[in-house]
Amino acid sequence: MNVREHGWWLYLLECGDGSWYAGISNDIEARLQAHASGKGARYTRGRLPLRLIARRAYPDRAAASRAEWQLKRLPKTRKLAFFAADPGAGAD
């Protein structure tokens, strides 16, 4: 999948301390590089993200932001299942 084919991305990173970080971006490659170099979100700066766990494309920022909000409300044990589920499931 070409990451430039979609407008916005919701992504999940595994950090060096074992925690997970979720975010959105319209340029996922640049955003991941920023996290890796310590110039991303404050949360990841001291935790040095190790790898991209999951990502999902969205047509616009509003949809990606809604999905991020939903994802962040889930317990860690259910976050991967969120990415495996149909993105249209449960949509209003």
PDB file of N, CA and C in Angstrom:
ATOM      1  N   MET A   1       0.844  -1.178   0.000  1.00  0.00           N
ATOM      2  CA  MET A   1       0.000   0.000   0.000  1.00  0.00           C
ATOM      3  C   MET A   1       0.888   1.240   0.000  1.00  0.00           C
ATOM      4  N   ASN A   2       0.610   2.131  -0.882  1.00  0.00           N
ATOM      5  CA  ASN A   2       1.339   3.385  -0.963  1.00  0.00           C
ATOM      6  C   ASN A   2       0.758   4.352   0.058  1.00  0.00           C
ATOM      7  N   VAL A   3       1.591   4.817   0.993  1.00  0.00           N
ATOM      8  CA  VAL A   3       1.089   5.668   2.064  1.00  0.00           C
ATOM      9  C   VAL A   3       0.624   7.027   1.569  1.00  0.00           C
ATOM     10  N   ARG A   4       0.989   7.427   0.391  1.00  0.00           N
ATOM     11  CA  ARG A   4       0.574   8.721  -0.136  1.00  0.00           C
ATOM     12  C   ARG A   4      -0.788   8.663  -0.828  1.00  0.00           C
ATOM     13  N   GLU A   5      -1.391   7.505  -0.921  1.00  0.00           N
ATOM     14  CA  GLU A   5      -2.683   7.358  -1.581  1.00  0.00           C
ATOM     15  C   GLU A   5      -3.838   7.881  -0.731  1.00  0.00           C
ATOM     16  N   HIS A   6      -3.647   8.076   0.547  1.00  0.00           N
ATOM     17  CA  HIS A   6      -4.726   8.430   1.459  1.00  0.00           C
ATOM     18  C   HIS A   6      -4.469   9.802   2.068  1.00  0.00           C
ATOM     19  N   GLY A   7      -5.549  10.432   2.522  1.00  0.00           N
ATOM     20  CA  GLY A   7      -5.436  11.760   3.097  1.00  0.00           C
ATOM     21  C   GLY A   7      -4.828  11.786   4.489  1.00  0.00           C
ATOM     22  N   TRP A   8      -5.420  11.036   5.409  1.00  0.00           N
ATOM     23  CA  TRP A   8      -4.981  11.056   6.807  1.00  0.00           C
ATOM     24  C   TRP A   8      -4.837   9.646   7.338  1.00  0.00           C
ATOM     25  N   TRP A   9      -3.970   9.501   8.302  1.00  0.00           N
ATOM     26  CA  TRP A   9      -3.686   8.199   8.911  1.00  0.00           C
ATOM     27  C   TRP A   9      -3.837   8.262  10.419  1.00  0.00           C
ATOM     28  N   LEU A  10      -4.381   7.216  10.969  1.00  0.00           N
ATOM     29  CA  LEU A  10      -4.332   6.948  12.406  1.00  0.00           C
ATOM     30  C   LEU A  10      -3.269   5.881  12.564  1.00  0.00           C
ATOM     31  N   TYR A  11      -2.345   6.080  13.488  1.00  0.00           N
ATOM     32  CA  TYR A  11      -1.267   5.102  13.645  1.00  0.00           C
ATOM     33  C   TYR A  11      -1.045   4.790  15.121  1.00  0.00           C
ATOM     34  N   LEU A  12      -0.432   3.644  15.353  1.00  0.00           N
ATOM     35  CA  LEU A  12      -0.131   3.177  16.702  1.00  0.00           C
ATOM     36  C   LEU A  12       1.331   2.765  16.745  1.00  0.00           C
ATOM     37  N   LEU A  13       2.079   3.355  17.670  1.00  0.00           N
ATOM     38  CA  LEU A  13       3.500   3.051  17.838  1.00  0.00           C
ATOM     39  C   LEU A  13       3.735   2.294  19.137  1.00  0.00           C
ATOM     40  N   GLU A  14       4.723   1.420  19.129  1.00  0.00           N
ATOM     41  CA  GLU A  14       5.203   0.817  20.366  1.00  0.00           C
ATOM     42  C   GLU A  14       6.455   1.579  20.773  1.00  0.00           C
ATOM     43  N   CYS A  15       6.473   2.075  21.999  1.00  0.00           N
ATOM     44  CA  CYS A  15       7.601   2.856  22.493  1.00  0.00           C
ATOM     45  C   CYS A  15       8.599   1.962  23.223  1.00  0.00           C
ATOM     46  N   GLY A  16       9.757   2.510  23.472  1.00  0.00           N
ATOM     47  CA  GLY A  16      10.832   1.761  24.111  1.00  0.00           C
ATOM     48  C   GLY A  16      10.509   1.262  25.500  1.00  0.00           C
ATOM     49  N   ASP A  17       9.572   1.915  26.199  1.00  0.00           N
ATOM     50  CA  ASP A  17       9.199   1.472  27.545  1.00  0.00           C
ATOM     51  C   ASP A  17       8.027   0.489  27.520  1.00  0.00           C
ATOM     52  N   GLY A  18       7.615   0.051  26.312  1.00  0.00           N
ATOM     53  CA  GLY A  18       6.519  -0.897  26.192  1.00  0.00           C
ATOM     54  C   GLY A  18       5.149  -0.254  26.067  1.00  0.00           C
ATOM     55  N   SER A  19       5.075   1.055  26.246  1.00  0.00           N
ATOM     56  CA  SER A  19       3.791   1.734  26.107  1.00  0.00           C
ATOM     57  C   SER A  19       3.471   1.933  24.631  1.00  0.00           C
ATOM     58  N   TRP A  20       2.220   2.280  24.356  1.00  0.00           N
ATOM     59  CA  TRP A  20       1.773   2.527  22.992  1.00  0.00           C
ATOM     60  C   TRP A  20       1.353   3.979  22.857  1.00  0.00           C
ATOM     61  N   TYR A  21       1.621   4.538  21.706  1.00  0.00           N
ATOM     62  CA  TYR A  21       1.246   5.915  21.406  1.00  0.00           C
ATOM     63  C   TYR A  21       0.403   5.927  20.136  1.00  0.00           C
ATOM     64  N   ALA A  22      -0.726   6.605  20.169  1.00  0.00           N
ATOM     65  CA  ALA A  22      -1.591   6.753  19.001  1.00  0.00           C
ATOM     66  C   ALA A  22      -1.573   8.201  18.547  1.00  0.00           C
ATOM     67  N   GLY A  23      -1.563   8.389  17.240  1.00  0.00           N
ATOM     68  CA  GLY A  23      -1.603   9.730  16.685  1.00  0.00           C
ATOM     69  C   GLY A  23      -2.174   9.711  15.279  1.00  0.00           C
ATOM     70  N   ILE A  24      -2.327  10.909  14.714  1.00  0.00           N
ATOM     71  CA  ILE A  24      -2.794  11.038  13.337  1.00  0.00           C
ATOM     72  C   ILE A  24      -1.810  11.915  12.560  1.00  0.00           C
ATOM     73  N   SER A  25      -1.800  11.720  11.256  1.00  0.00           N
ATOM     74  CA  SER A  25      -0.936  12.529  10.405  1.00  0.00           C
ATOM     75  C   SER A  25      -1.405  12.429   8.958  1.00  0.00           C
ATOM     76  N   ASN A  26      -1.143  13.479   8.197  1.00  0.00           N
ATOM     77  CA  ASN A  26      -1.414  13.415   6.765  1.00  0.00           C
ATOM     78  C   ASN A  26      -0.153  13.044   5.990  1.00  0.00           C
ATOM     79  N   ASP A  27       0.972  12.940   6.676  1.00  0.00           N
ATOM     80  CA  ASP A  27       2.230  12.477   6.081  1.00  0.00           C
ATOM     81  C   ASP A  27       2.862  11.519   7.083  1.00  0.00           C
ATOM     82  N   ILE A  28       2.436  10.284   7.032  1.00  0.00           N
ATOM     83  CA  ILE A  28       2.840   9.325   8.058  1.00  0.00           C
ATOM     84  C   ILE A  28       4.346   9.064   8.043  1.00  0.00           C
ATOM     85  N   GLU A  29       4.954   9.040   6.874  1.00  0.00           N
ATOM     86  CA  GLU A  29       6.400   8.800   6.815  1.00  0.00           C
ATOM     87  C   GLU A  29       7.176   9.894   7.545  1.00  0.00           C
ATOM     88  N   ALA A  30       6.828  11.139   7.283  1.00  0.00           N
ATOM     89  CA  ALA A  30       7.501  12.267   7.940  1.00  0.00           C
ATOM     90  C   ALA A  30       7.233  12.259   9.438  1.00  0.00           C
ATOM     91  N   ARG A  31       6.014  11.921   9.825  1.00  0.00           N
ATOM     92  CA  ARG A  31       5.662  11.910  11.243  1.00  0.00           C
ATOM     93  C   ARG A  31       6.437  10.825  11.988  1.00  0.00           C
ATOM     94  N   LEU A  32       6.566   9.658  11.388  1.00  0.00           N
ATOM     95  CA  LEU A  32       7.323   8.576  12.025  1.00  0.00           C
ATOM     96  C   LEU A  32       8.798   8.948  12.151  1.00  0.00           C
ATOM     97  N   GLN A  33       9.331   9.626  11.149  1.00  0.00           N
ATOM     98  CA  GLN A  33      10.715  10.089  11.227  1.00  0.00           C
ATOM     99  C   GLN A  33      10.883  11.121  12.342  1.00  0.00           C
ATOM    100  N   ALA A  34       9.896  11.998  12.496  1.00  0.00           N
ATOM    101  CA  ALA A  34       9.954  12.995  13.569  1.00  0.00           C
ATOM    102  C   ALA A  34       9.945  12.312  14.932  1.00  0.00           C
ATOM    103  N   HIS A  35       9.084  11.312  15.095  1.00  0.00           N
ATOM    104  CA  HIS A  35       9.072  10.574  16.368  1.00  0.00           C
ATOM    105  C   HIS A  35      10.426   9.904  16.611  1.00  0.00           C
ATOM    106  N   ALA A  36      10.950   9.248  15.606  1.00  0.00           N
ATOM    107  CA  ALA A  36      12.209   8.514  15.750  1.00  0.00           C
ATOM    108  C   ALA A  36      13.383   9.428  16.085  1.00  0.00           C
ATOM    109  N   SER A  37      13.345  10.673  15.601  1.00  0.00           N
ATOM    110  CA  SER A  37      14.440  11.613  15.854  1.00  0.00           C
ATOM    111  C   SER A  37      14.255  12.404  17.146  1.00  0.00           C
ATOM    112  N   GLY A  38      13.167  12.135  17.870  1.00  0.00           N
ATOM    113  CA  GLY A  38      12.928  12.849  19.118  1.00  0.00           C
ATOM    114  C   GLY A  38      12.243  14.184  18.929  1.00  0.00           C
ATOM    115  N   LYS A  39      11.719  14.452  17.735  1.00  0.00           N
ATOM    116  CA  LYS A  39      11.061  15.726  17.454  1.00  0.00           C
ATOM    117  C   LYS A  39       9.566  15.563  17.262  1.00  0.00           C
ATOM    118  N   GLY A  40       9.029  14.410  17.637  1.00  0.00           N
ATOM    119  CA  GLY A  40       7.592  14.162  17.514  1.00  0.00           C
ATOM    120  C   GLY A  40       6.870  14.652  18.749  1.00  0.00           C
ATOM    121  N   ALA A  41       5.834  13.964  19.113  1.00  0.00           N
ATOM    122  CA  ALA A  41       5.025  14.322  20.276  1.00  0.00           C
ATOM    123  C   ALA A  41       5.859  14.265  21.562  1.00  0.00           C
ATOM    124  N   ARG A  42       5.493  15.080  22.510  1.00  0.00           N
ATOM    125  CA  ARG A  42       6.197  15.102  23.794  1.00  0.00           C
ATOM    126  C   ARG A  42       6.225  13.716  24.432  1.00  0.00           C
ATOM    127  N   TYR A  43       5.117  12.993  24.319  1.00  0.00           N
ATOM    128  CA  TYR A  43       5.029  11.665  24.925  1.00  0.00           C
ATOM    129  C   TYR A  43       6.118  10.726  24.404  1.00  0.00           C
ATOM    130  N   THR A  44       6.409  10.783  23.118  1.00  0.00           N
ATOM    131  CA  THR A  44       7.371   9.844  22.538  1.00  0.00           C
ATOM    132  C   THR A  44       8.825  10.289  22.672  1.00  0.00           C
ATOM    133  N   ARG A  45       9.055  11.538  22.987  1.00  0.00           N
ATOM    134  CA  ARG A  45      10.439  12.043  23.028  1.00  0.00           C
ATOM    135  C   ARG A  45      11.327  11.271  23.975  1.00  0.00           C
ATOM    136  N   GLY A  46      10.834  10.966  25.147  1.00  0.00           N
ATOM    137  CA  GLY A  46      11.648  10.232  26.114  1.00  0.00           C
ATOM    138  C   GLY A  46      11.477   8.729  26.046  1.00  0.00           C
ATOM    139  N   ARG A  47      10.612   8.279  25.174  1.00  0.00           N
ATOM    140  CA  ARG A  47      10.306   6.848  25.102  1.00  0.00           C
ATOM    141  C   ARG A  47      10.802   6.195  23.821  1.00  0.00           C
ATOM    142  N   LEU A  48      11.318   6.973  22.920  1.00  0.00           N
ATOM    143  CA  LEU A  48      11.860   6.495  21.659  1.00  0.00           C
ATOM    144  C   LEU A  48      11.064   5.362  21.031  1.00  0.00           C
ATOM    145  N   PRO A  49      10.114   5.677  20.183  1.00  0.00           N
ATOM    146  CA  PRO A  49       9.286   4.640  19.568  1.00  0.00           C
ATOM    147  C   PRO A  49      10.130   3.617  18.820  1.00  0.00           C
ATOM    148  N   LEU A  50       9.805   2.395  19.026  1.00  0.00           N
ATOM    149  CA  LEU A  50      10.557   1.326  18.399  1.00  0.00           C
ATOM    150  C   LEU A  50       9.985   0.900  17.059  1.00  0.00           C
ATOM    151  N   ARG A  51       8.650   0.807  16.994  1.00  0.00           N
ATOM    152  CA  ARG A  51       8.085   0.313  15.737  1.00  0.00           C
ATOM    153  C   ARG A  51       6.629   0.737  15.569  1.00  0.00           C
ATOM    154  N   LEU A  52       6.241   0.773  14.317  1.00  0.00           N
ATOM    155  CA  LEU A  52       4.853   1.020  13.955  1.00  0.00           C
ATOM    156  C   LEU A  52       4.097  -0.292  14.132  1.00  0.00           C
ATOM    157  N   ILE A  53       3.070  -0.280  14.968  1.00  0.00           N
ATOM    158  CA  ILE A  53       2.289  -1.486  15.228  1.00  0.00           C
ATOM    159  C   ILE A  53       1.146  -1.614  14.232  1.00  0.00           C
ATOM    160  N   ALA A  54       0.460  -0.508  13.972  1.00  0.00           N
ATOM    161  CA  ALA A  54      -0.708  -0.545  13.092  1.00  0.00           C
ATOM    162  C   ALA A  54      -0.969   0.841  12.533  1.00  0.00           C
ATOM    163  N   ARG A  55      -1.718   0.848  11.426  1.00  0.00           N
ATOM    164  CA  ARG A  55      -2.144   2.119  10.833  1.00  0.00           C
ATOM    165  C   ARG A  55      -3.406   1.865  10.027  1.00  0.00           C
ATOM    166  N   ARG A  56      -4.165   2.927   9.864  1.00  0.00           N
ATOM    167  CA  ARG A  56      -5.389   2.857   9.064  1.00  0.00           C
ATOM    168  C   ARG A  56      -5.595   4.210   8.399  1.00  0.00           C
ATOM    169  N   ALA A  57      -5.970   4.181   7.146  1.00  0.00           N
ATOM    170  CA  ALA A  57      -6.201   5.401   6.374  1.00  0.00           C
ATOM    171  C   ALA A  57      -7.614   5.922   6.593  1.00  0.00           C
ATOM    172  N   TYR A  58      -7.741   7.246   6.536  1.00  0.00           N
ATOM    173  CA  TYR A  58      -9.025   7.935   6.634  1.00  0.00           C
ATOM    174  C   TYR A  58      -9.075   9.011   5.561  1.00  0.00           C
ATOM    175  N   PRO A  59     -10.269   9.358   5.090  1.00  0.00           N
ATOM    176  CA  PRO A  59     -10.377  10.313   3.983  1.00  0.00           C
ATOM    177  C   PRO A  59     -10.060  11.757   4.359  1.00  0.00           C
ATOM    178  N   ASP A  60     -10.209  12.104   5.654  1.00  0.00           N
ATOM    179  CA  ASP A  60      -9.971  13.487   6.056  1.00  0.00           C
ATOM    180  C   ASP A  60      -9.564  13.547   7.531  1.00  0.00           C
ATOM    181  N   ARG A  61      -9.146  14.733   7.941  1.00  0.00           N
ATOM    182  CA  ARG A  61      -8.664  14.911   9.312  1.00  0.00           C
ATOM    183  C   ARG A  61      -9.752  14.659  10.350  1.00  0.00           C
ATOM    184  N   ALA A  62     -10.957  15.088  10.063  1.00  0.00           N
ATOM    185  CA  ALA A  62     -12.052  14.909  11.023  1.00  0.00           C
ATOM    186  C   ALA A  62     -12.300  13.429  11.294  1.00  0.00           C
ATOM    187  N   ALA A  63     -12.318  12.625  10.263  1.00  0.00           N
ATOM    188  CA  ALA A  63     -12.533  11.182  10.437  1.00  0.00           C
ATOM    189  C   ALA A  63     -11.381  10.553  11.204  1.00  0.00           C
ATOM    190  N   ALA A  64     -10.154  10.957  10.896  1.00  0.00           N
ATOM    191  CA  ALA A  64      -8.988  10.424  11.604  1.00  0.00           C
ATOM    192  C   ALA A  64      -9.010  10.843  13.074  1.00  0.00           C
ATOM    193  N   SER A  65      -9.411  12.070  13.357  1.00  0.00           N
ATOM    194  CA  SER A  65      -9.488  12.552  14.741  1.00  0.00           C
ATOM    195  C   SER A  65     -10.550  11.814  15.542  1.00  0.00           C
ATOM    196  N   ARG A  66     -11.698  11.551  14.915  1.00  0.00           N
ATOM    197  CA  ARG A  66     -12.745  10.777  15.602  1.00  0.00           C
ATOM    198  C   ARG A  66     -12.251   9.369  15.923  1.00  0.00           C
ATOM    199  N   ALA A  67     -11.573   8.759  14.970  1.00  0.00           N
ATOM    200  CA  ALA A  67     -11.046   7.408  15.185  1.00  0.00           C
ATOM    201  C   ALA A  67      -9.981   7.407  16.283  1.00  0.00           C
ATOM    202  N   GLU A  68      -9.131   8.427  16.303  1.00  0.00           N
ATOM    203  CA  GLU A  68      -8.104   8.536  17.342  1.00  0.00           C
ATOM    204  C   GLU A  68      -8.756   8.638  18.719  1.00  0.00           C
ATOM    205  N   TRP A  69      -9.804   9.448  18.826  1.00  0.00           N
ATOM    206  CA  TRP A  69     -10.522   9.599  20.090  1.00  0.00           C
ATOM    207  C   TRP A  69     -11.095   8.249  20.537  1.00  0.00           C
ATOM    208  N   GLN A  70     -11.704   7.520  19.596  1.00  0.00           N
ATOM    209  CA  GLN A  70     -12.255   6.204  19.924  1.00  0.00           C
ATOM    210  C   GLN A  70     -11.164   5.240  20.370  1.00  0.00           C
ATOM    211  N   LEU A  71     -10.062   5.231  19.638  1.00  0.00           N
ATOM    212  CA  LEU A  71      -8.948   4.327  19.959  1.00  0.00           C
ATOM    213  C   LEU A  71      -8.380   4.622  21.338  1.00  0.00           C
ATOM    214  N   LYS A  72      -8.199   5.882  21.659  1.00  0.00           N
ATOM    215  CA  LYS A  72      -7.586   6.253  22.932  1.00  0.00           C
ATOM    216  C   LYS A  72      -8.481   5.929  24.129  1.00  0.00           C
ATOM    217  N   ARG A  73      -9.752   5.735  23.906  1.00  0.00           N
ATOM    218  CA  ARG A  73     -10.669   5.366  24.992  1.00  0.00           C
ATOM    219  C   ARG A  73     -10.635   3.869  25.290  1.00  0.00           C
ATOM    220  N   LEU A  74     -10.040   3.085  24.400  1.00  0.00           N
ATOM    221  CA  LEU A  74      -9.997   1.630  24.580  1.00  0.00           C
ATOM    222  C   LEU A  74      -8.843   1.221  25.484  1.00  0.00           C
ATOM    223  N   PRO A  75      -9.011   0.110  26.207  1.00  0.00           N
ATOM    224  CA  PRO A  75      -7.867  -0.428  26.952  1.00  0.00           C
ATOM    225  C   PRO A  75      -6.836  -0.973  25.963  1.00  0.00           C
ATOM    226  N   LYS A  76      -5.614  -1.036  26.394  1.00  0.00           N
ATOM    227  CA  LYS A  76      -4.515  -1.494  25.536  1.00  0.00           C
ATOM    228  C   LYS A  76      -4.821  -2.847  24.899  1.00  0.00           C
ATOM    229  N   THR A  77      -5.472  -3.709  25.640  1.00  0.00           N
ATOM    230  CA  THR A  77      -5.759  -5.060  25.150  1.00  0.00           C
ATOM    231  C   THR A  77      -6.712  -5.073  23.960  1.00  0.00           C
ATOM    232  N   ARG A  78      -7.426  -3.980  23.700  1.00  0.00           N
ATOM    233  CA  ARG A  78      -8.399  -3.941  22.595  1.00  0.00           C
ATOM    234  C   ARG A  78      -7.972  -3.048  21.436  1.00  0.00           C
ATOM    235  N   LYS A  79      -6.819  -2.407  21.566  1.00  0.00           N
ATOM    236  CA  LYS A  79      -6.405  -1.456  20.527  1.00  0.00           C
ATOM    237  C   LYS A  79      -6.062  -2.128  19.200  1.00  0.00           C
ATOM    238  N   LEU A  80      -5.403  -3.251  19.221  1.00  0.00           N
ATOM    239  CA  LEU A  80      -5.080  -3.916  17.962  1.00  0.00           C
ATOM    240  C   LEU A  80      -6.339  -4.405  17.264  1.00  0.00           C
ATOM    241  N   ALA A  81      -7.312  -4.865  18.030  1.00  0.00           N
ATOM    242  CA  ALA A  81      -8.578  -5.307  17.452  1.00  0.00           C
ATOM    243  C   ALA A  81      -9.284  -4.147  16.754  1.00  0.00           C
ATOM    244  N   PHE A  82      -9.110  -2.941  17.253  1.00  0.00           N
ATOM    245  CA  PHE A  82      -9.688  -1.754  16.621  1.00  0.00           C
ATOM    246  C   PHE A  82      -9.204  -1.638  15.174  1.00  0.00           C
ATOM    247  N   PHE A  83      -7.917  -1.876  14.959  1.00  0.00           N
ATOM    248  CA  PHE A  83      -7.361  -1.771  13.617  1.00  0.00           C
ATOM    249  C   PHE A  83      -7.790  -2.930  12.722  1.00  0.00           C
ATOM    250  N   ALA A  84      -8.059  -4.078  13.314  1.00  0.00           N
ATOM    251  CA  ALA A  84      -8.493  -5.248  12.549  1.00  0.00           C
ATOM    252  C   ALA A  84      -9.955  -5.158  12.147  1.00  0.00           C
ATOM    253  N   ALA A  85     -10.741  -4.386  12.891  1.00  0.00           N
ATOM    254  CA  ALA A  85     -12.183  -4.272  12.628  1.00  0.00           C
ATOM    255  C   ALA A  85     -12.444  -3.423  11.388  1.00  0.00           C
ATOM    256  N   ASP A  86     -13.630  -3.572  10.839  1.00  0.00           N
ATOM    257  CA  ASP A  86     -14.077  -2.787   9.712  1.00  0.00           C
ATOM    258  C   ASP A  86     -14.167  -1.323  10.136  1.00  0.00           C
ATOM    259  N   PRO A  87     -13.475  -0.402   9.436  1.00  0.00           N
ATOM    260  CA  PRO A  87     -13.497   1.009   9.842  1.00  0.00           C
ATOM    261  C   PRO A  87     -14.883   1.644   9.775  1.00  0.00           C
ATOM    262  N   GLY A  88     -15.798   1.063   9.021  1.00  0.00           N
ATOM    263  CA  GLY A  88     -17.141   1.612   8.931  1.00  0.00           C
ATOM    264  C   GLY A  88     -18.085   1.068   9.978  1.00  0.00           C
ATOM    265  N   ALA A  89     -17.656   0.066  10.713  1.00  0.00           N
ATOM    266  CA  ALA A  89     -18.517  -0.544  11.725  1.00  0.00           C
ATOM    267  C   ALA A  89     -18.782   0.441  12.856  1.00  0.00           C
ATOM    268  N   GLY A  90     -20.018   0.588  13.198  1.00  0.00           N
ATOM    269  CA  GLY A  90     -20.387   1.462  14.301  1.00  0.00           C
ATOM    270  C   GLY A  90     -20.418   2.931  13.944  1.00  0.00           C
ATOM    271  N   ALA A  91     -20.191   3.247  12.689  1.00  0.00           N
ATOM    272  CA  ALA A  91     -20.223   4.656  12.286  1.00  0.00           C
ATOM    273  C   ALA A  91     -21.660   5.147  12.243  1.00  0.00           C
ATOM    274  N   ASP A  92     -21.852   6.408  12.590  1.00  0.00           N
ATOM    275  CA  ASP A  92     -23.208   6.991  12.572  1.00  0.00           C
ATOM    276  C   ASP A  92     -23.636   7.300  11.159  1.00  0.00           C
TER     277      ASP A  92
END
